[in-house]
Protein backbone atom coordinates (compact mmCIF):
# COMPACT_ATOMS: atom_id res chain seq x y z
CA MET A 1 -0.24 0.01 0.22
CA ALA A 2 1.47 3.04 -0.78
CA GLY A 3 2.18 5.97 1.52
CA LYS A 4 3.75 9.19 2.39
CA ARG A 5 6.81 7.67 3.85
CA THR A 6 7.37 4.57 3.11
CA PRO A 7 11.84 4.30 4.33
CA ARG A 8 13.04 0.92 2.40
CA ALA A 9 16.02 1.19 2.51
CA ARG A 10 16.28 2.52 5.91
CA ALA A 11 15.19 1.08 9.66
CA CYS A 12 11.85 -0.08 10.90
CA PRO A 13 10.27 1.92 12.38
CA CYS A 14 9.05 -0.75 14.58
CA GLY A 15 12.48 -0.51 16.28
CA SER A 16 14.22 -3.23 13.51
CA PRO A 17 16.52 -2.73 11.72
CA ALA A 18 15.28 -3.17 7.78
CA TYR A 19 12.45 -1.63 6.70
CA ALA A 20 12.09 -4.06 3.72
CA GLN A 21 13.16 -7.25 5.38
CA CYS A 22 10.13 -6.48 8.71
CA CYS A 23 6.90 -4.48 7.71
CA GLY A 24 7.27 -3.25 4.55
CA PRO A 25 6.43 -7.20 2.74
CA LEU A 26 3.53 -6.64 5.76
CA HIS A 27 1.85 -3.04 4.49
CA ASP A 28 2.42 -4.58 0.61
CA GLY A 29 0.15 -7.03 1.66
CA LYS A 30 2.52 -10.49 3.15
CA PRO A 31 0.01 -11.31 5.96
CA ALA A 32 1.25 -10.44 9.69
CA GLU A 33 2.08 -14.66 10.58
CA ASN A 34 1.73 -13.63 14.30
CA PRO A 35 -0.61 -10.78 16.39
CA GLN A 36 3.79 -9.93 17.56
CA ALA A 37 4.44 -8.90 13.65
CA LEU A 38 0.85 -7.14 13.52
CA MET A 39 1.73 -4.84 15.32
CA ARG A 40 5.31 -3.69 14.86
CA SER A 41 2.98 -3.95 11.03
CA ARG A 42 0.45 -1.64 12.34
CA PHE A 43 2.86 0.69 14.69
CA SER A 44 4.62 0.69 11.42
CA ALA A 45 2.37 2.10 9.44
CA PHE A 46 0.80 4.52 11.56
CA ALA A 47 4.35 6.08 11.87
CA LEU A 48 4.48 5.72 8.20
CA ASP A 49 0.54 7.30 7.62
CA LEU A 50 -0.70 4.05 6.24
CA SER A 51 -4.47 4.02 7.87
CA ASP A 52 -5.00 2.22 4.52
CA TYR A 53 -2.97 -0.73 6.35
CA VAL A 54 -4.23 0.14 9.68
CA LEU A 55 -8.26 -0.01 8.52
CA ALA A 56 -7.42 -2.96 6.02
CA THR A 57 -5.82 -5.26 9.75
CA TRP A 58 -8.42 -3.76 12.66
CA HIS A 59 -11.21 -6.84 12.74
CA PRO A 60 -14.96 -4.95 11.50
CA ASP A 61 -16.53 -6.01 14.40
CA THR A 62 -14.93 -3.20 16.06
CA ARG A 63 -12.62 -1.02 13.51
CA PRO A 64 -13.52 2.82 13.20
CA GLU A 65 -15.41 3.58 9.75
CA THR A 66 -12.45 6.25 8.69
CA LEU A 67 -9.05 7.39 10.26
CA GLU A 68 -8.50 10.35 10.09
CA SER A 69 -4.57 11.94 10.42
CA ASP A 70 -2.98 14.41 12.63
CA PRO A 71 0.28 16.13 11.20
CA GLY A 72 1.81 17.95 14.28
CA LEU A 73 1.81 13.92 15.77
CA ARG A 74 4.44 11.90 14.80
CA TRP A 75 5.32 8.08 16.38
CA VAL A 76 8.20 7.65 17.15
CA ARG A 77 8.70 4.30 19.28
CA LEU A 78 8.56 1.30 19.84
CA GLU A 79 8.09 -1.41 23.01
CA VAL A 80 6.81 -4.29 23.13
CA LEU A 81 6.76 -5.13 26.82
CA GLU A 82 4.59 -8.63 26.93
CA SER A 83 3.67 -11.33 23.70
CA THR A 84 1.02 -14.23 24.54
CA GLY A 85 -1.35 -16.85 22.35
CA GLY A 86 -0.44 -16.01 18.47
CA THR A 87 1.06 -19.65 18.26
CA LEU A 88 -0.31 -21.61 14.19
CA PHE A 89 -2.79 -23.31 16.64
CA ASP A 90 -4.19 -19.87 18.79
CA ALA A 91 -6.67 -18.08 17.58
CA GLU A 92 -6.20 -14.79 19.23
CA GLY A 93 -3.25 -13.07 21.03
CA THR A 94 -2.28 -10.42 23.08
CA VAL A 95 0.37 -7.52 23.13
CA THR A 96 1.67 -5.52 25.85
CA PHE A 97 3.64 -2.75 24.25
CA ARG A 98 4.38 0.95 24.33
CA ALA A 99 4.09 3.21 21.82
CA HIS A 100 6.26 7.47 22.21
CA PHE A 101 4.66 9.80 20.22
CA ARG A 102 5.24 13.04 19.48
CA ASP A 103 2.22 15.55 19.66
CA ASP A 104 3.27 18.66 18.07
CA GLY A 105 6.87 18.89 19.76
CA THR A 106 5.57 17.77 22.89
CA PRO A 107 6.05 13.94 24.22
CA GLY A 108 3.98 11.25 25.05
CA VAL A 109 3.06 7.13 26.27
CA LEU A 110 0.66 5.27 24.92
CA ASP A 111 0.46 2.37 26.94
CA GLU A 112 -1.21 -0.76 25.15
CA LYS A 113 -2.88 -4.21 25.77
CA SER A 114 -3.97 -4.77 22.73
CA ARG A 115 -5.60 -8.16 21.71
CA PHE A 116 -5.90 -8.99 18.21
CA VAL A 117 -7.37 -12.31 16.85
CA ARG A 118 -7.89 -14.38 13.48
CA HIS A 119 -10.52 -13.95 10.74
CA HIS A 120 -10.80 -15.17 7.27
CA ALA A 121 -7.33 -16.94 8.30
CA ARG A 122 -5.06 -13.48 8.96
CA TRP A 123 -4.71 -11.83 12.27
CA VAL A 124 -5.96 -8.90 13.16
CA TYR A 125 -6.47 -6.27 15.48
CA HIS A 126 -9.21 -6.69 18.01
CA GLY A 127 -9.16 -3.98 20.22
CA PRO A 128 -7.84 -3.06 24.14
CA MET A 129 -8.54 -5.18 27.05
C-alpha cells in the first residue's frame, strides 16, 4: 500500500534494522505470522501514515469507518513488553506495548494491551483489553 513516507532502505519504524525485511512486506500484503508482527506493522503504518493498512488490519466489528491523519502527531518508538498466544494453533493473542510519540513536539506515551484474533485466516487487531 502506498504511503506518504515509505523508507525501503532504512530502519523500520518499529525498531527493526530494515523496513524492507520487517514491516515493508506486510504493508505490501504479506499476512502477519503472529500478533506481535501485526502489532509492529501497525505501529509502523501509523508512523508512515498508512491509514489504509491500519484499517485493513482492524477487525470489522471494532474498526472505525475512517482514520484522520494528524500532521502534528509523530510516532517515534515502539517497545513490545509482552506477547502471548498467537501460535499456529491459537485463535487469539495479546501484545502489551508502549508506543512513544510526539504531539506538536510534546512527548507522550501510549500504553496498551491489545487483543488480536484470526479473521478469515489472518491476524487482525480487535482492540484494547
